[in-house]
Protein backbone atom coordinates (compact mmCIF):
# COMPACT_ATOMS: atom_id res chain seq x y z
CA UNK A 1 125.06 61.66 93.84
CA UNK A 2 125.04 58.62 91.35
CA UNK A 3 121.75 59.76 89.95
CA UNK A 4 123.20 63.09 88.99
CA UNK A 5 126.10 61.33 87.31
CA UNK A 6 123.74 59.22 85.36
CA UNK A 7 121.74 62.15 84.09
CA UNK A 8 124.91 64.00 83.18
CA UNK A 9 125.98 60.95 81.22
CA UNK A 10 122.60 60.90 79.39
CA UNK A 11 123.07 64.53 78.52
CA UNK A 12 126.63 63.97 77.22
CA UNK A 13 125.34 61.08 74.94
CA UNK A 14 122.59 63.27 73.72
CA UNK A 15 118.93 62.57 73.13
CA UNK A 16 117.87 59.27 71.61
CA UNK A 17 116.70 59.57 67.83
CA UNK A 18 113.39 61.16 67.83
CA UNK A 19 110.44 59.20 67.08
CA UNK A 20 109.73 61.22 64.13
CA UNK A 21 113.03 60.27 62.58
CA UNK A 22 111.84 56.60 62.78
CA UNK A 23 108.59 56.97 61.10
CA UNK A 24 110.00 55.86 57.70
CA UNK A 25 111.72 53.04 59.31
CA UNK A 26 108.47 51.88 60.89
CA UNK A 27 106.62 51.95 57.54
CA UNK A 28 109.52 49.93 55.93
CA UNK A 29 109.23 47.52 58.91
CA UNK A 30 105.53 46.90 58.12
CA UNK A 31 106.37 45.93 54.58
CA UNK A 32 109.15 43.60 55.77
CA UNK A 33 106.85 41.88 58.17
CA UNK A 34 104.24 41.46 55.50
CA UNK A 35 106.79 39.77 53.25
CA UNK A 36 108.09 37.49 55.95
CA UNK A 37 104.50 36.49 57.00
CA UNK A 38 103.74 35.61 53.36
CA UNK A 39 106.93 33.50 52.94
CA UNK A 40 106.43 31.68 56.24
CA UNK A 41 102.71 30.75 55.81
CA UNK A 42 103.55 27.06 55.26
CA UNK A 43 105.55 26.95 58.48
CA UNK A 44 102.66 28.45 60.36
CA UNK A 45 100.42 25.67 59.34
CA UNK A 46 102.90 23.26 61.39
CA UNK A 47 102.90 25.24 64.70
CA UNK A 48 100.65 27.45 66.70
CA UNK A 49 100.86 31.04 65.71
CA UNK A 50 102.26 33.32 68.31
CA UNK A 51 100.31 36.64 68.85
CA UNK A 52 101.82 39.84 67.44
CA UNK A 53 103.03 41.85 70.44
CA UNK A 54 105.33 44.53 69.03
CA UNK A 55 104.04 48.09 69.62
CA UNK A 56 104.52 49.06 66.11
CA UNK A 57 102.60 46.10 64.55
CA UNK A 58 100.39 47.18 61.60
CA UNK A 59 97.13 46.77 63.41
CA UNK A 60 98.41 48.82 66.35
CA UNK A 61 99.30 51.97 64.54
CA UNK A 62 96.24 53.80 63.49
CA UNK A 63 95.31 57.54 62.99
CA UNK A 64 93.70 58.95 66.15
CA UNK A 65 91.26 60.91 63.92
CA UNK A 66 90.14 58.60 61.13
CA UNK A 67 90.86 55.27 62.89
CA UNK A 68 92.62 53.81 59.91
CA UNK A 69 96.18 52.55 59.49
CA UNK A 70 96.48 52.79 55.61
CA UNK A 71 98.63 55.40 53.90
CA UNK A 72 101.42 54.54 56.36
CA UNK A 73 103.90 56.63 54.65
CA UNK A 74 101.74 59.55 55.90
CA UNK A 75 101.41 58.48 59.46
CA UNK A 76 103.33 60.65 62.02
CA UNK A 77 103.72 59.98 65.78
CA UNK A 78 103.43 62.55 68.50
CA UNK A 79 106.96 63.39 69.67
CA UNK A 80 105.62 64.41 73.10
CA UNK A 81 105.58 60.70 73.90
CA UNK A 82 101.82 59.91 74.28
CA UNK A 83 101.80 57.30 71.46
CA UNK A 84 99.30 59.14 69.34
CA UNK A 85 99.66 58.79 65.55
CA UNK A 86 97.91 60.78 62.87
CA UNK A 87 97.95 61.02 59.09
CA UNK A 88 99.42 64.32 57.72
CA UNK A 89 96.22 65.06 55.95
CA UNK A 90 94.15 64.39 59.22
CA UNK A 91 96.09 66.99 61.21
CA UNK A 92 94.42 70.29 61.87
CA UNK A 93 95.43 72.17 59.83
CA UNK A 94 96.50 69.34 57.42
CA UNK A 95 100.32 69.06 56.85
CA UNK A 96 102.08 68.77 53.48
CA UNK A 97 105.43 67.45 54.95
CA UNK A 98 106.63 65.61 58.00
CA UNK A 99 107.45 68.37 60.62
CA UNK A 100 110.76 68.15 62.52
CA UNK A 101 108.71 68.07 65.77
CA UNK A 102 105.00 67.43 66.11
CA UNK A 103 102.90 67.26 69.19
CA UNK A 104 99.35 66.00 68.93
CA UNK A 105 96.50 68.43 69.92
CA UNK A 106 96.05 66.81 73.36
CA UNK A 107 99.80 67.23 74.27
CA UNK A 108 100.03 70.57 72.60
CA UNK A 109 97.13 72.02 74.71
CA UNK A 110 98.30 73.89 77.83
CA UNK A 111 98.67 71.79 80.91
CA UNK A 112 96.99 72.57 84.27
CA UNK A 113 99.64 72.95 87.07
CA UNK A 114 99.71 70.02 89.50
CA UNK A 115 97.94 67.56 87.16
CA UNK A 116 99.10 64.66 85.06
CA UNK A 117 97.88 63.37 81.74
CA UNK A 118 98.62 60.60 79.23
CA UNK A 119 102.28 60.91 78.20
CA UNK A 120 103.31 62.79 81.39
CA UNK A 121 106.42 61.54 83.34
CA UNK A 122 105.80 61.40 87.05
CA UNK A 123 107.18 59.70 90.23
CA UNK A 124 104.69 57.10 91.58
CA UNK A 125 104.48 54.70 94.36
CA UNK A 126 102.75 51.32 94.17
CA UNK A 127 102.09 49.15 97.16
CA UNK A 128 105.11 48.58 99.23
CA UNK A 129 107.63 49.47 96.47
CA UNK A 130 109.69 52.68 96.39
CA UNK A 131 108.80 55.85 94.67
CA UNK A 132 109.82 55.37 90.94
CA UNK A 133 109.80 57.37 87.81
CA UNK A 134 107.04 56.35 85.48
CA UNK A 135 105.23 57.28 82.35
CA UNK A 136 101.38 57.78 82.52
CA UNK A 137 99.80 55.49 80.00
CA UNK A 138 96.08 56.29 80.89
CA UNK A 139 94.03 58.56 83.23
CA UNK A 140 90.88 57.45 84.84
CA UNK A 141 87.76 59.48 83.79
CA UNK A 142 89.33 62.13 81.72
CA UNK A 143 92.37 63.67 80.05
CA UNK A 144 93.99 64.97 83.30
CA UNK A 145 93.93 64.34 87.10
CA UNK A 146 95.30 66.26 89.96
CA UNK A 147 98.28 64.55 91.58
CA UNK A 148 99.99 65.24 94.86
CA UNK A 149 102.13 68.35 95.04
CA UNK A 150 104.62 66.75 97.37
CA UNK A 151 105.20 62.99 98.34
CA UNK A 152 102.51 62.39 100.95
CA UNK A 153 103.25 60.65 104.19
CA UNK A 154 99.68 59.73 104.69
CA UNK A 155 96.26 60.74 103.27
CA UNK A 156 92.99 59.64 101.97
CA UNK A 157 92.96 57.98 98.47
CA UNK A 158 91.17 60.14 95.87
CA UNK A 159 89.57 57.46 94.05
CA UNK A 160 91.11 58.84 90.77
CA UNK A 161 93.85 56.82 89.31
CA UNK A 162 96.57 56.57 86.82
CA UNK A 163 97.91 53.59 84.82
CA UNK A 164 101.50 54.02 84.68
CA UNK A 165 104.63 52.26 83.20
CA UNK A 166 107.53 52.16 85.67
CA UNK A 167 110.64 53.13 83.81
CA UNK A 168 113.45 50.49 83.42
CA UNK A 169 111.11 47.84 84.96
CA UNK A 170 108.51 47.28 82.24
CA UNK A 171 105.92 46.97 85.01
CA UNK A 172 102.47 48.52 84.52
CA UNK A 173 100.44 49.40 87.46
CA UNK A 174 97.35 51.40 88.47
CA UNK A 175 98.06 53.92 91.18
CA UNK A 176 95.79 56.35 93.00
CA UNK A 177 96.49 60.03 92.30
CA UNK A 178 97.48 60.60 95.79
CA UNK A 179 100.57 58.39 95.24
CA UNK A 180 101.92 60.27 92.16
CA UNK A 181 103.86 63.54 92.01
CA UNK A 182 104.95 65.69 88.98
CA UNK A 183 108.35 65.02 87.56
CA UNK A 184 109.64 68.35 88.91
CA UNK A 185 108.77 67.37 92.45
CA UNK A 186 110.30 63.87 92.01
CA UNK A 187 113.73 65.28 90.76
CA UNK A 188 113.78 67.81 93.73
CA UNK A 189 112.57 65.58 96.54
CA UNK A 190 112.91 61.91 95.50
CA UNK A 191 116.16 61.92 93.38
CA UNK A 192 117.98 60.19 96.34
CA UNK A 193 117.47 56.52 96.50
CA UNK A 194 117.43 56.70 100.35
CA UNK A 195 114.57 59.07 100.17
CA UNK A 196 112.73 57.18 97.43
CA UNK A 197 112.82 53.84 99.27
CA UNK A 198 111.88 55.20 102.60
CA UNK A 199 109.13 52.98 103.98
CA UNK A 200 109.54 50.38 101.23
CA UNK A 201 110.09 46.72 102.02
CA UNK A 202 110.38 43.29 100.33
CA UNK A 203 112.19 44.81 97.32
CA UNK A 204 112.53 42.52 94.35
CA UNK A 205 115.69 42.11 92.21
CA UNK A 206 114.62 44.97 89.98
CA UNK A 207 114.50 47.52 92.83
CA UNK A 208 118.11 48.38 93.23
CA UNK A 209 119.94 51.73 93.58
CA UNK A 210 121.52 51.36 90.13
CA UNK A 211 118.12 50.59 88.46
CA UNK A 212 116.66 53.70 90.13
CA UNK A 213 119.29 56.03 89.14
CA UNK A 214 119.05 54.76 85.58
CA UNK A 215 115.29 55.25 85.62
CA UNK A 216 115.66 58.81 87.04
CA UNK A 217 118.09 59.72 84.12
CA UNK A 218 115.65 58.21 81.67
CA UNK A 219 112.80 60.20 83.27
CA UNK A 220 114.56 63.45 83.00
CA UNK A 221 115.44 62.83 79.34
CA UNK A 222 111.90 61.87 78.47
CA UNK A 223 110.26 64.68 80.35
CA UNK A 224 112.71 67.08 78.56
CA UNK A 225 111.90 65.72 75.21
CA UNK A 226 108.15 65.89 75.92
CA UNK A 227 108.53 69.53 77.12
CA UNK A 228 110.45 70.36 73.91
CA UNK A 229 107.92 68.67 71.57
CA UNK A 230 105.15 70.47 73.29
CA UNK A 231 106.94 73.80 72.80
CA UNK A 232 107.75 72.97 69.21
CA UNK A 233 111.59 72.85 69.94
CA UNK A 234 113.94 70.33 68.28
CA UNK A 235 116.52 70.78 71.02
CA UNK A 236 115.57 69.23 74.35
CA UNK A 237 118.89 70.41 75.90
CA UNK A 238 117.56 73.64 77.50
CA UNK A 239 114.49 71.76 78.84
CA UNK A 240 116.50 69.23 80.69
CA UNK A 241 118.91 71.80 82.07
CA UNK A 242 115.83 73.63 83.31
CA UNK A 243 114.40 70.42 85.01
CA UNK A 244 117.68 69.71 86.77
CA UNK A 245 117.92 73.20 88.23
CA UNK A 246 114.71 72.64 90.25
């Protein structure tokens, strides 16, 4: 199907540059922004200042352990995709150099089967929209929550929820755990646009077959990169191959 072709193309193009490879660039970006801010201070007096919204703004990147954002040249980001940062000297044990691959303690910990936690890639369903690949941004009440083993046709809501970012749509929503399934289940049972949109209605312009296929390809790549980082592997290729065999 078209989704398989999209995933194959993603594999041919190779993984996007790892976050770890952009750490130095992020630090340089901070310095550039500080200089630009100082040089444009007079202009700011003449117009309303717009809020800083970039995810790598100075105030947004802080060490998860000490809560500080200084010594930015020593900050590293979790390659498993959860968004956690840490100083090298705050890691346990402390690190002397930036590792090729680094997963934070929460991501490196063994995962319970059938659960989802921050950073995981899932398929989720919100309201009347189709099932769609998403990244878990937050879990209610803890680090992990049990999700549905298969796409449910009906069932009682669990009361436990996930905040997810739907890939390719930049839409954040809170969904009940009943309406989320692991990435492996999504790729085996919901890779078809026909199956994913079954029961959906009033689709907006962003809910197209092409957008869905691109989102599935992105989801497979992100899930494989996350699995590789958690295993300490620099090469995500074997992990994406394993995902697509399911």
